[in-house]
Each structure stands twice: as C-alpha cells, then as structure tokens.
C-alpha atoms as a PDB file:
ATOM      1  CA  MET A   1       0.000   0.000   0.000  1.00  0.00           C
ATOM      2  CA  VAL A   2       1.406   3.365  -1.046  1.00  0.00           C
ATOM      3  CA  GLU A   3       0.778   6.138   1.428  1.00  0.00           C
ATOM      4  CA  ARG A   4      -0.082   9.546   0.093  1.00  0.00           C
ATOM      5  CA  LYS A   5       2.112  12.197   1.536  1.00  0.00           C
ATOM      6  CA  SER A   6       0.219  15.054   3.054  1.00  0.00           C
ATOM      7  CA  LEU A   7       0.915  18.574   1.899  1.00  0.00           C
ATOM      8  CA  TRP A   8       1.959  19.404   5.461  1.00  0.00           C
ATOM      9  CA  THR A   9       4.967  17.099   5.163  1.00  0.00           C
ATOM     10  CA  LEU A  10       6.403  19.518   2.601  1.00  0.00           C
ATOM     11  CA  VAL A  11       6.149  22.515   4.929  1.00  0.00           C
ATOM     12  CA  PRO A  12       9.274  21.684   6.998  1.00  0.00           C
ATOM     13  CA  HIS A  13      11.292  21.196   3.804  1.00  0.00           C
ATOM     14  CA  VAL A  14      10.107  24.514   2.383  1.00  0.00           C
ATOM     15  CA  VAL A  15      10.918  26.314   5.633  1.00  0.00           C
ATOM     16  CA  LEU A  16      14.345  24.659   5.713  1.00  0.00           C
ATOM     17  CA  LEU A  17      15.100  25.675   2.121  1.00  0.00           C
ATOM     18  CA  LEU A  18      14.012  29.250   2.830  1.00  0.00           C
ATOM     19  CA  GLY A  19      16.254  29.340   5.894  1.00  0.00           C
ATOM     20  CA  VAL A  20      19.219  28.069   3.889  1.00  0.00           C
ATOM     21  CA  ALA A  21      18.542  30.682   1.186  1.00  0.00           C
ATOM     22  CA  VAL A  22      18.409  33.513   3.737  1.00  0.00           C
ATOM     23  CA  ILE A  23      21.687  32.402   5.320  1.00  0.00           C
ATOM     24  CA  ALA A  24      23.505  31.569   2.071  1.00  0.00           C
ATOM     25  CA  PHE A  25      22.532  34.662   0.060  1.00  0.00           C
ATOM     26  CA  PRO A  26      24.854  37.115   1.927  1.00  0.00           C
ATOM     27  CA  VAL A  27      27.711  34.625   1.523  1.00  0.00           C
ATOM     28  CA  PHE A  28      26.925  34.387  -2.203  1.00  0.00           C
ATOM     29  CA  VAL A  29      26.899  38.188  -2.544  1.00  0.00           C
ATOM     30  CA  THR A  30      30.228  38.399  -0.691  1.00  0.00           C
ATOM     31  CA  LEU A  31      31.789  35.822  -3.005  1.00  0.00           C
ATOM     32  CA  ILE A  32      30.485  37.570  -6.136  1.00  0.00           C
ATOM     33  CA  ALA A  33      31.667  40.980  -4.901  1.00  0.00           C
ATOM     34  CA  SER A  34      35.180  39.605  -4.371  1.00  0.00           C
ATOM     35  CA  THR A  35      35.398  38.855  -8.117  1.00  0.00           C
ATOM     36  CA  GLN A  36      34.543  42.413  -9.202  1.00  0.00           C
ATOM     37  CA  THR A  37      36.366  45.713  -8.984  1.00  0.00           C
ATOM     38  CA  SER A  38      35.683  48.270  -6.281  1.00  0.00           C
ATOM     39  CA  GLN A  39      34.284  50.691  -8.877  1.00  0.00           C
ATOM     40  CA  GLN A  40      31.815  48.110 -10.155  1.00  0.00           C
ATOM     41  CA  ILE A  41      30.538  47.418  -6.652  1.00  0.00           C
ATOM     42  CA  VAL A  42      30.061  51.112  -5.801  1.00  0.00           C
ATOM     43  CA  GLN A  43      28.753  52.409  -9.114  1.00  0.00           C
ATOM     44  CA  GLN A  44      26.275  49.641  -9.964  1.00  0.00           C
ATOM     45  CA  VAL A  45      23.112  49.953  -7.890  1.00  0.00           C
ATOM     46  CA  PRO A  46      22.017  47.304  -7.253  1.00  0.00           C
ATOM     47  CA  MET A  47      25.271  45.408  -7.530  1.00  0.00           C
ATOM     48  CA  SER A  48      25.475  42.888 -10.337  1.00  0.00           C
ATOM     49  CA  LEU A  49      25.157  39.284  -9.189  1.00  0.00           C
ATOM     50  CA  ALA A  50      27.163  38.012 -12.163  1.00  0.00           C
ATOM     51  CA  PRO A  51      30.739  36.859 -11.397  1.00  0.00           C
ATOM     52  CA  GLY A  52      33.442  39.297 -12.426  1.00  0.00           C
ATOM     53  CA  GLY A  53      36.811  38.611 -13.969  1.00  0.00           C
ATOM     54  CA  HIS A  54      39.106  39.888 -11.223  1.00  0.00           C
ATOM     55  CA  MET A  55      38.962  37.027  -8.742  1.00  0.00           C
ATOM     56  CA  LEU A  56      42.613  35.903  -8.828  1.00  0.00           C
ATOM     57  CA  GLU A  57      43.888  39.466  -8.784  1.00  0.00           C
ATOM     58  CA  THR A  58      41.693  40.448  -5.830  1.00  0.00           C
ATOM     59  CA  TYR A  59      42.566  37.430  -3.700  1.00  0.00           C
ATOM     60  CA  LYS A  60      46.280  37.891  -4.441  1.00  0.00           C
ATOM     61  CA  VAL A  61      46.115  41.491  -3.228  1.00  0.00           C
ATOM     62  CA  ALA A  62      44.102  40.445  -0.156  1.00  0.00           C
ATOM     63  CA  LEU A  63      46.533  37.689   0.825  1.00  0.00           C
ATOM     64  CA  PHE A  64      49.849  39.380   0.095  1.00  0.00           C
ATOM     65  CA  GLY A  65      49.036  43.104   0.121  1.00  0.00           C
ATOM     66  CA  GLY A  66      49.378  45.781  -2.521  1.00  0.00           C
ATOM     67  CA  GLN A  67      48.338  49.262  -3.539  1.00  0.00           C
ATOM     68  CA  THR A  68      44.767  50.514  -3.397  1.00  0.00           C
ATOM     69  CA  THR A  69      43.045  52.376  -6.202  1.00  0.00           C
ATOM     70  CA  TYR A  70      43.474  55.583  -4.217  1.00  0.00           C
ATOM     71  CA  GLY A  71      47.202  55.237  -3.596  1.00  0.00           C
ATOM     72  CA  GLY A  72      46.972  53.647  -0.173  1.00  0.00           C
ATOM     73  CA  LYS A  73      48.447  50.397   1.036  1.00  0.00           C
ATOM     74  CA  ILE A  74      46.545  47.181   1.669  1.00  0.00           C
ATOM     75  CA  THR A  75      47.842  45.160   4.619  1.00  0.00           C
ATOM     76  CA  PRO A  76      48.347  41.479   3.705  1.00  0.00           C
ATOM     77  CA  VAL A  77      45.827  39.084   5.225  1.00  0.00           C
ATOM     78  CA  ALA A  78      48.049  35.963   5.258  1.00  0.00           C
ATOM     79  CA  PRO A  79      49.870  36.916   8.521  1.00  0.00           C
ATOM     80  CA  MET A  80      46.535  37.756  10.153  1.00  0.00           C
ATOM     81  CA  MET A  81      45.152  34.356   9.198  1.00  0.00           C
ATOM     82  CA  MET A  82      48.209  32.716  10.763  1.00  0.00           C
ATOM     83  CA  VAL A  83      47.675  34.683  13.990  1.00  0.00           C
ATOM     84  CA  SER A  84      44.007  33.660  14.043  1.00  0.00           C
ATOM     85  CA  LEU A  85      44.884  30.025  13.340  1.00  0.00           C
ATOM     86  CA  ILE A  86      47.456  29.858  16.139  1.00  0.00           C
ATOM     87  CA  CYS A  87      45.083  31.536  18.594  1.00  0.00           C
ATOM     88  CA  ALA A  88      42.109  29.355  17.621  1.00  0.00           C
ATOM     89  CA  LEU A  89      44.090  26.110  17.918  1.00  0.00           C
ATOM     90  CA  THR A  90      45.678  27.154  21.207  1.00  0.00           C
ATOM     91  CA  ILE A  91      42.344  28.187  22.722  1.00  0.00           C
ATOM     92  CA  ALA A  92      40.517  25.055  21.525  1.00  0.00           C
ATOM     93  CA  LEU A  93      43.199  22.568  22.584  1.00  0.00           C
ATOM     94  CA  GLY A  94      43.909  24.426  25.815  1.00  0.00           C
ATOM     95  CA  LYS A  95      40.246  24.516  26.810  1.00  0.00           C
ATOM     96  CA  ILE A  96      39.850  20.796  26.124  1.00  0.00           C
ATOM     97  CA  ALA A  97      43.005  19.817  28.031  1.00  0.00           C
ATOM     98  CA  ILE A  98      42.256  21.920  31.108  1.00  0.00           C
ATOM     99  CA  SER A  99      38.573  20.956  31.132  1.00  0.00           C
ATOM    100  CA  LEU A 100      39.362  17.237  30.881  1.00  0.00           C
ATOM    101  CA  LEU A 101      41.788  17.409  33.800  1.00  0.00           C
ATOM    102  CA  SER A 102      39.541  19.570  35.972  1.00  0.00           C
ATOM    103  CA  ALA A 103      36.489  17.363  35.335  1.00  0.00           C
ATOM    104  CA  PHE A 104      38.617  14.287  36.102  1.00  0.00           C
ATOM    105  CA  ALA A 105      39.647  15.828  39.426  1.00  0.00           C
ATOM    106  CA  PHE A 106      36.081  16.775  40.369  1.00  0.00           C
ATOM    107  CA  VAL A 107      34.700  13.294  39.660  1.00  0.00           C
ATOM    108  CA  TYR A 108      37.436  10.855  40.728  1.00  0.00           C
ATOM    109  CA  PHE A 109      39.250  12.621  43.551  1.00  0.00           C
ATOM    110  CA  ARG A 110      37.909  13.219  47.035  1.00  0.00           C
ATOM    111  CA  PHE A 111      39.181  16.416  48.640  1.00  0.00           C
ATOM    112  CA  PRO A 112      37.712  18.975  51.057  1.00  0.00           C
ATOM    113  CA  GLY A 113      35.558  21.575  49.378  1.00  0.00           C
ATOM    114  CA  ARG A 114      35.226  19.632  46.138  1.00  0.00           C
ATOM    115  CA  GLY A 115      31.574  20.602  45.657  1.00  0.00           C
ATOM    116  CA  LEU A 116      32.267  24.224  46.536  1.00  0.00           C
ATOM    117  CA  CYS A 117      35.153  24.395  44.058  1.00  0.00           C
ATOM    118  CA  PHE A 118      32.987  22.981  41.292  1.00  0.00           C
ATOM    119  CA  TRP A 119      30.191  25.457  41.905  1.00  0.00           C
ATOM    120  CA  LEU A 120      32.664  28.335  42.023  1.00  0.00           C
ATOM    121  CA  VAL A 121      33.816  27.265  38.566  1.00  0.00           C
ATOM    122  CA  PHE A 122      30.232  26.856  37.388  1.00  0.00           C
ATOM    123  CA  VAL A 123      29.183  30.294  38.687  1.00  0.00           C
ATOM    124  CA  THR A 124      31.637  31.928  36.271  1.00  0.00           C
ATOM    125  CA  LEU A 125      29.140  31.076  33.508  1.00  0.00           C
ATOM    126  CA  MET A 126      26.882  33.757  34.950  1.00  0.00           C
ATOM    127  CA  LEU A 127      29.514  36.476  34.660  1.00  0.00           C
ATOM    128  CA  PRO A 128      29.447  38.265  31.290  1.00  0.00           C
ATOM    129  CA  VAL A 129      32.704  38.991  29.543  1.00  0.00           C
ATOM    130  CA  GLU A 130      32.357  42.722  30.184  1.00  0.00           C
ATOM    131  CA  VAL A 131      32.443  42.149  33.954  1.00  0.00           C
ATOM    132  CA  ARG A 132      35.741  40.268  33.810  1.00  0.00           C
ATOM    133  CA  ILE A 133      37.458  42.084  30.987  1.00  0.00           C
ATOM    134  CA  PHE A 134      38.984  45.009  32.905  1.00  0.00           C
ATOM    135  CA  PRO A 135      40.647  42.997  35.723  1.00  0.00           C
ATOM    136  CA  THR A 136      41.788  40.428  33.169  1.00  0.00           C
ATOM    137  CA  TYR A 137      43.357  43.163  31.047  1.00  0.00           C
ATOM    138  CA  GLN A 138      45.048  44.591  34.149  1.00  0.00           C
ATOM    139  CA  VAL A 139      46.613  41.221  34.952  1.00  0.00           C
ATOM    140  CA  ILE A 140      47.814  40.719  31.370  1.00  0.00           C
ATOM    141  CA  SER A 141      49.249  44.228  31.320  1.00  0.00           C
ATOM    142  CA  ASP A 142      51.067  43.743  34.647  1.00  0.00           C
ATOM    143  CA  LEU A 143      52.555  40.486  33.341  1.00  0.00           C
ATOM    144  CA  ARG A 144      53.732  42.302  30.184  1.00  0.00           C
ATOM    145  CA  MET A 145      51.814  39.950  27.925  1.00  0.00           C
ATOM    146  CA  LEU A 146      50.330  42.611  25.636  1.00  0.00           C
ATOM    147  CA  ASN A 147      50.966  42.009  21.922  1.00  0.00           C
ATOM    148  CA  THR A 148      51.854  38.360  22.547  1.00  0.00           C
ATOM    149  CA  TYR A 149      50.217  35.053  21.716  1.00  0.00           C
ATOM    150  CA  ALA A 150      50.063  34.292  25.438  1.00  0.00           C
ATOM    151  CA  GLY A 151      48.087  37.468  26.060  1.00  0.00           C
ATOM    152  CA  LEU A 152      45.696  36.612  23.232  1.00  0.00           C
ATOM    153  CA  THR A 153      45.045  33.043  24.347  1.00  0.00           C
ATOM    154  CA  VAL A 154      45.766  32.347  28.034  1.00  0.00           C
ATOM    155  CA  PRO A 155      42.840  34.394  29.468  1.00  0.00           C
ATOM    156  CA  LEU A 156      40.431  32.570  27.130  1.00  0.00           C
ATOM    157  CA  ILE A 157      41.587  29.011  27.801  1.00  0.00           C
ATOM    158  CA  ALA A 158      39.627  28.236  30.970  1.00  0.00           C
ATOM    159  CA  SER A 159      36.100  27.004  30.212  1.00  0.00           C
ATOM    160  CA  ALA A 160      33.409  26.286  32.812  1.00  0.00           C
ATOM    161  CA  THR A 161      31.093  24.965  30.091  1.00  0.00           C
ATOM    162  CA  ALA A 162      33.547  22.324  28.865  1.00  0.00           C
ATOM    163  CA  THR A 163      34.387  21.363  32.453  1.00  0.00           C
ATOM    164  CA  PHE A 164      30.700  20.858  33.221  1.00  0.00           C
ATOM    165  CA  LEU A 165      30.108  18.769  30.078  1.00  0.00           C
ATOM    166  CA  PHE A 166      33.087  16.491  30.720  1.00  0.00           C
ATOM    167  CA  ARG A 167      32.102  16.128  34.376  1.00  0.00           C
ATOM    168  CA  GLN A 168      28.608  15.023  33.415  1.00  0.00           C
ATOM    169  CA  PHE A 169      30.029  12.496  30.976  1.00  0.00           C
ATOM    170  CA  PHE A 170      32.539  11.102  33.488  1.00  0.00           C
ATOM    171  CA  LEU A 171      29.690  10.557  35.950  1.00  0.00           C
ATOM    172  CA  THR A 172      28.109   8.140  33.454  1.00  0.00           C
ATOM    173  CA  VAL A 173      31.240   5.959  33.221  1.00  0.00           C
ATOM    174  CA  PRO A 174      30.546   2.671  35.065  1.00  0.00           C
ATOM    175  CA  ASP A 175      32.342   2.169  38.368  1.00  0.00           C
ATOM    176  CA  GLU A 176      33.345  -1.289  37.127  1.00  0.00           C
ATOM    177  CA  LEU A 177      35.846   0.320  34.770  1.00  0.00           C
ATOM    178  CA  VAL A 178      37.470   2.121  37.686  1.00  0.00           C
ATOM    179  CA  GLU A 179      37.657  -1.066  39.721  1.00  0.00           C
ATOM    180  CA  ALA A 180      39.055  -3.046  36.765  1.00  0.00           C
ATOM    181  CA  ALA A 181      41.739  -0.432  36.166  1.00  0.00           C
ATOM    182  CA  ARG A 182      42.648  -0.438  39.859  1.00  0.00           C
ATOM    183  CA  ILE A 183      42.909  -4.238  39.910  1.00  0.00           C
ATOM    184  CA  ASP A 184      45.171  -4.124  36.828  1.00  0.00           C
ATOM    185  CA  GLY A 185      47.464  -1.757  38.698  1.00  0.00           C
ATOM    186  CA  ALA A 186      46.669   1.347  36.671  1.00  0.00           C
ATOM    187  CA  GLY A 187      47.187   4.629  38.477  1.00  0.00           C
ATOM    188  CA  PRO A 188      44.881   7.653  38.161  1.00  0.00           C
ATOM    189  CA  MET A 189      46.679   9.167  35.167  1.00  0.00           C
ATOM    190  CA  ARG A 190      46.932   5.812  33.415  1.00  0.00           C
ATOM    191  CA  PHE A 191      43.181   5.352  33.862  1.00  0.00           C
ATOM    192  CA  PHE A 192      42.631   8.879  32.587  1.00  0.00           C
ATOM    193  CA  LYS A 193      44.834   8.409  29.511  1.00  0.00           C
ATOM    194  CA  ASP A 194      43.862   4.859  28.524  1.00  0.00           C
ATOM    195  CA  VAL A 195      40.179   4.788  29.494  1.00  0.00           C
ATOM    196  CA  LEU A 196      38.559   8.187  29.907  1.00  0.00           C
ATOM    197  CA  VAL A 197      40.192  10.037  27.019  1.00  0.00           C
ATOM    198  CA  PRO A 198      39.354   7.348  24.396  1.00  0.00           C
ATOM    199  CA  LEU A 199      35.771   7.245  25.673  1.00  0.00           C
ATOM    200  CA  SER A 200      35.560  11.029  25.391  1.00  0.00           C
ATOM    201  CA  LEU A 201      36.747  11.355  21.784  1.00  0.00           C
ATOM    202  CA  THR A 202      33.355  12.270  20.347  1.00  0.00           C
ATOM    203  CA  SER A 203      32.788  14.899  23.035  1.00  0.00           C
ATOM    204  CA  ILE A 204      36.304  16.226  22.474  1.00  0.00           C
ATOM    205  CA  ALA A 205      35.661  16.515  18.731  1.00  0.00           C
ATOM    206  CA  ALA A 206      32.382  18.368  19.256  1.00  0.00           C
ATOM    207  CA  LEU A 207      33.960  20.788  21.716  1.00  0.00           C
ATOM    208  CA  PHE A 208      36.962  21.304  19.450  1.00  0.00           C
ATOM    209  CA  VAL A 209      34.716  22.512  16.629  1.00  0.00           C
ATOM    210  CA  ILE A 210      32.831  24.881  18.932  1.00  0.00           C
ATOM    211  CA  GLN A 211      35.945  26.239  20.637  1.00  0.00           C
ATOM    212  CA  PHE A 212      37.910  26.601  17.388  1.00  0.00           C
ATOM    213  CA  ILE A 213      35.175  28.803  15.939  1.00  0.00           C
ATOM    214  CA  TYR A 214      35.008  30.692  19.253  1.00  0.00           C
ATOM    215  CA  GLY A 215      38.745  31.362  19.150  1.00  0.00           C
ATOM    216  CA  TRP A 216      38.774  32.234  15.443  1.00  0.00           C
ATOM    217  CA  ASN A 217      35.991  34.822  15.791  1.00  0.00           C
ATOM    218  CA  GLN A 218      37.481  36.674  18.755  1.00  0.00           C
ATOM    219  CA  TYR A 219      37.360  40.437  18.289  1.00  0.00           C
ATOM    220  CA  LEU A 220      36.836  42.313  21.573  1.00  0.00           C
ATOM    221  CA  TRP A 221      39.732  40.768  23.507  1.00  0.00           C
ATOM    222  CA  PRO A 222      42.330  41.115  20.689  1.00  0.00           C
ATOM    223  CA  LEU A 223      41.154  44.702  20.222  1.00  0.00           C
ATOM    224  CA  LEU A 224      42.199  45.432  23.809  1.00  0.00           C
ATOM    225  CA  VAL A 225      45.485  43.538  24.092  1.00  0.00           C
ATOM    226  CA  THR A 226      47.015  44.200  20.675  1.00  0.00           C
ATOM    227  CA  THR A 227      48.393  47.466  19.340  1.00  0.00           C
ATOM    228  CA  SER A 228      50.839  46.026  16.813  1.00  0.00           C
ATOM    229  CA  GLU A 229      49.621  45.062  13.344  1.00  0.00           C
ATOM    230  CA  ASP A 230      51.788  41.941  13.523  1.00  0.00           C
ATOM    231  CA  MET A 231      49.429  40.523  16.158  1.00  0.00           C
ATOM    232  CA  TYR A 232      46.101  41.444  14.578  1.00  0.00           C
ATOM    233  CA  PRO A 233      43.777  38.473  13.937  1.00  0.00           C
ATOM    234  CA  ILE A 234      41.845  38.451  10.681  1.00  0.00           C
ATOM    235  CA  VAL A 235      38.587  39.619  12.286  1.00  0.00           C
ATOM    236  CA  MET A 236      40.318  42.808  13.394  1.00  0.00           C
ATOM    237  CA  GLY A 237      41.974  43.058   9.982  1.00  0.00           C
ATOM    238  CA  ILE A 238      38.596  43.242   8.265  1.00  0.00           C
ATOM    239  CA  ASN A 239      37.531  46.120  10.506  1.00  0.00           C
ATOM    240  CA  ARG A 240      40.798  47.979   9.858  1.00  0.00           C
ATOM    241  CA  MET A 241      40.135  47.920   6.114  1.00  0.00           C
ATOM    242  CA  PHE A 242      37.240  50.368   6.428  1.00  0.00           C
ATOM    243  CA  SER A 243      38.839  53.745   5.806  1.00  0.00           C
ATOM    244  CA  GLY A 244      35.906  56.071   5.220  1.00  0.00           C
ATOM    245  CA  GLY A 245      32.909  56.412   2.943  1.00  0.00           C
ATOM    246  CA  ASP A 246      31.755  53.789   0.490  1.00  0.00           C
ATOM    247  CA  ALA A 247      33.787  55.238  -2.364  1.00  0.00           C
ATOM    248  CA  ALA A 248      37.025  55.239  -0.323  1.00  0.00           C
ATOM    249  CA  ASN A 249      36.911  51.554   0.590  1.00  0.00           C
ATOM    250  CA  GLU A 250      38.331  48.727  -1.483  1.00  0.00           C
ATOM    251  CA  TRP A 251      35.143  46.694  -1.243  1.00  0.00           C
ATOM    252  CA  ASN A 252      36.358  43.863  -3.445  1.00  0.00           C
ATOM    253  CA  VAL A 253      39.391  43.296  -1.200  1.00  0.00           C
ATOM    254  CA  ILE A 254      37.233  43.559   1.929  1.00  0.00           C
ATOM    255  CA  MET A 255      34.850  40.958   0.543  1.00  0.00           C
ATOM    256  CA  ALA A 256      37.734  38.686  -0.464  1.00  0.00           C
ATOM    257  CA  THR A 257      39.129  38.974   3.070  1.00  0.00           C
ATOM    258  CA  ALA A 258      35.713  38.064   4.494  1.00  0.00           C
ATOM    259  CA  VAL A 259      35.602  34.973   2.279  1.00  0.00           C
ATOM    260  CA  LEU A 260      39.114  33.973   3.356  1.00  0.00           C
ATOM    261  CA  ALA A 261      38.102  34.432   7.005  1.00  0.00           C
ATOM    262  CA  MET A 262      35.220  31.983   6.521  1.00  0.00           C
ATOM    263  CA  ILE A 263      37.296  29.198   4.949  1.00  0.00           C
ATOM    264  CA  PRO A 264      39.152  27.714   8.006  1.00  0.00           C
ATOM    265  CA  PRO A 265      36.042  27.453  10.267  1.00  0.00           C
ATOM    266  CA  MET A 266      34.081  26.030   7.360  1.00  0.00           C
ATOM    267  CA  LEU A 267      36.744  23.394   6.716  1.00  0.00           C
ATOM    268  CA  VAL A 268      36.837  22.434  10.401  1.00  0.00           C
ATOM    269  CA  VAL A 269      33.052  22.002  10.472  1.00  0.00           C
ATOM    270  CA  LEU A 270      32.958  20.018   7.221  1.00  0.00           C
ATOM    271  CA  LEU A 271      35.874  17.737   8.102  1.00  0.00           C
ATOM    272  CA  MET A 272      34.624  17.053  11.627  1.00  0.00           C
ATOM    273  CA  GLN A 273      30.883  17.135  10.963  1.00  0.00           C
ATOM    274  CA  LYS A 274      30.377  13.427  11.638  1.00  0.00           C
ATOM    275  CA  TRP A 275      32.234  13.561  14.964  1.00  0.00           C
ATOM    276  CA  PHE A 276      30.580  16.848  15.869  1.00  0.00           C
ATOM    277  CA  VAL A 277      27.046  15.525  15.419  1.00  0.00           C
ATOM    278  CA  LYS A 278      27.890  12.245  17.145  1.00  0.00           C
ATOM    279  CA  GLY A 279      29.381  14.058  20.098  1.00  0.00           C
ATOM    280  CA  LEU A 280      26.215  16.125  20.573  1.00  0.00           C
ATOM    281  CA  VAL A 281      23.556  13.440  20.076  1.00  0.00           C
ATOM    282  CA  ASP A 282      25.256  10.135  20.878  1.00  0.00           C
ATOM    283  CA  THR A 283      23.393   8.474  23.730  1.00  0.00           C
ATOM    284  CA  GLU A 284      25.401   5.257  23.885  1.00  0.00           C
ATOM    285  CA  LYS A 285      28.233   6.726  25.921  1.00  0.00           C
END
C-alpha cells in the first residue's frame, strides 16, 4: 500500500530551504563581490550578481598586500590568518586539556571543598565577559603579555562549560571500569589516559569545533590587548580595512578577506561534521 504524503509534510522542507537561502545569500553576494572591482561594486546599484573577472587578482592582493586604487596600502591578510589560526588552535586545545583534567579531578578525587570548588567554577558562567574584561586586562598588562600570543590566548583558555560537560560524561562511566583499572594496577593518570580520554573522543571533537570557531571569531579581547599590526587576527583586519565612505573603501578586497576568514572554520566544520554531530547526540556513551 502506497501512502499519500500530506501537503503538510512539505512545509518543513520549504521552511528549511528558505532558511538556507536567507543564510547563504549574503555569503553568495560576498563571493560575487570579491570577483569584481571596487568601482563596479560602488557604481552599480544594485550590484550585479554576475561573477566578475578579477577574482585571482583580488585574492592575491588580499593575501599578500598591494596598492589601493586611491594610492593607499593594503595590509596582507596571510599573517593575520596565521595569527588567528594559532590563537584558535591554542584556545581550543587548551580549553579541552584543562577541562578534561579539571572534570577528572572533580569526579574521581575526594578532597575537602570539592563541591564548593565545582560550583565556584560553574558560577563563572553567569559572569558576562564585560564584567571580567577590565581585571583580566590589568593582569595581562602587569605580566607584560600585551601584543603576545600568550596574552591573546591564556585568558580565554579556561572554560566552565567544557568542564561541566566532561564532568557530566565522566559521571556516566561505570564504576566497574574504575575497579578493573585499579585491579590491573593502573594509576589515576593511566586510567585517565587509557580509558577516559578514548571514551571522550566524540565529546572532544564536538567541543573542538565549537571552541575553534570561538577562538577564530574573537574580536573584543584582541582589540584590547594588541596594538601592533603583527598581532592582529583576521577579524580585526577586516575592521581595519574600512577607511571612510563607500567610495574610499576597497570593497572587493574587503569581501575577499571576508571569504578567506570563513574558509578555516568552514573546513573544520565540514571535516569534523560526523564527529561533531555524534558528540552532541550520541546516547550510547
């Protein structure tokens, strides 16, 4: 018997397609604009949605720098992308490492004030960044870590969210595994390395994707702790490209830089999509 599909079953698909179109259209416009000249973008109203013939030239100028149409200088984006990549990897891996160890301590070690310590960590989730940003900047300044990779990454490494997620997962690990490891003579760190970390791989992958994007998109903190162009991440670089009115900006280079800034997070999501989804919805842990 062939069931007739109701018209209402098409509604979710239509809504989904409309949502994808709304999200993808600005990306499409950005990509098209990066293939045209700045004059074409400014003078044509509305802007043509046909690809231009200046794609290679525009991306070369964006990556390696060059002269603007108005005699100015375009700062190369390649060093900024390297700064963003180093910061994003350091923040993501640092958050995962510290959160794994802190969750391991909260679950498997008995020490006075363990519950209080955990809730003190958890309460930090309720503090917005703006509340903590001035004292954090003061500490970084006193330690002379301005304009350094340490200053860009160390204050952002600690994560109460990741600690909470790993703690909740460790609580679901059967006690039999702990007893078996103890009988086999495995110490705490051996149990952590050989049992808990392999069991946590899907959660680690999911958190890595989230934290990598978090680190890559940082703007407010780098804006405060960097004054040298050598330490600007790409998100700050895009903002620095706006020099004045519409006619004074190299819009094609700005759009090319925006496209380049989207590529690394997009690759991370695409390459780790399977692990990311499994880490969020897997119930067989």
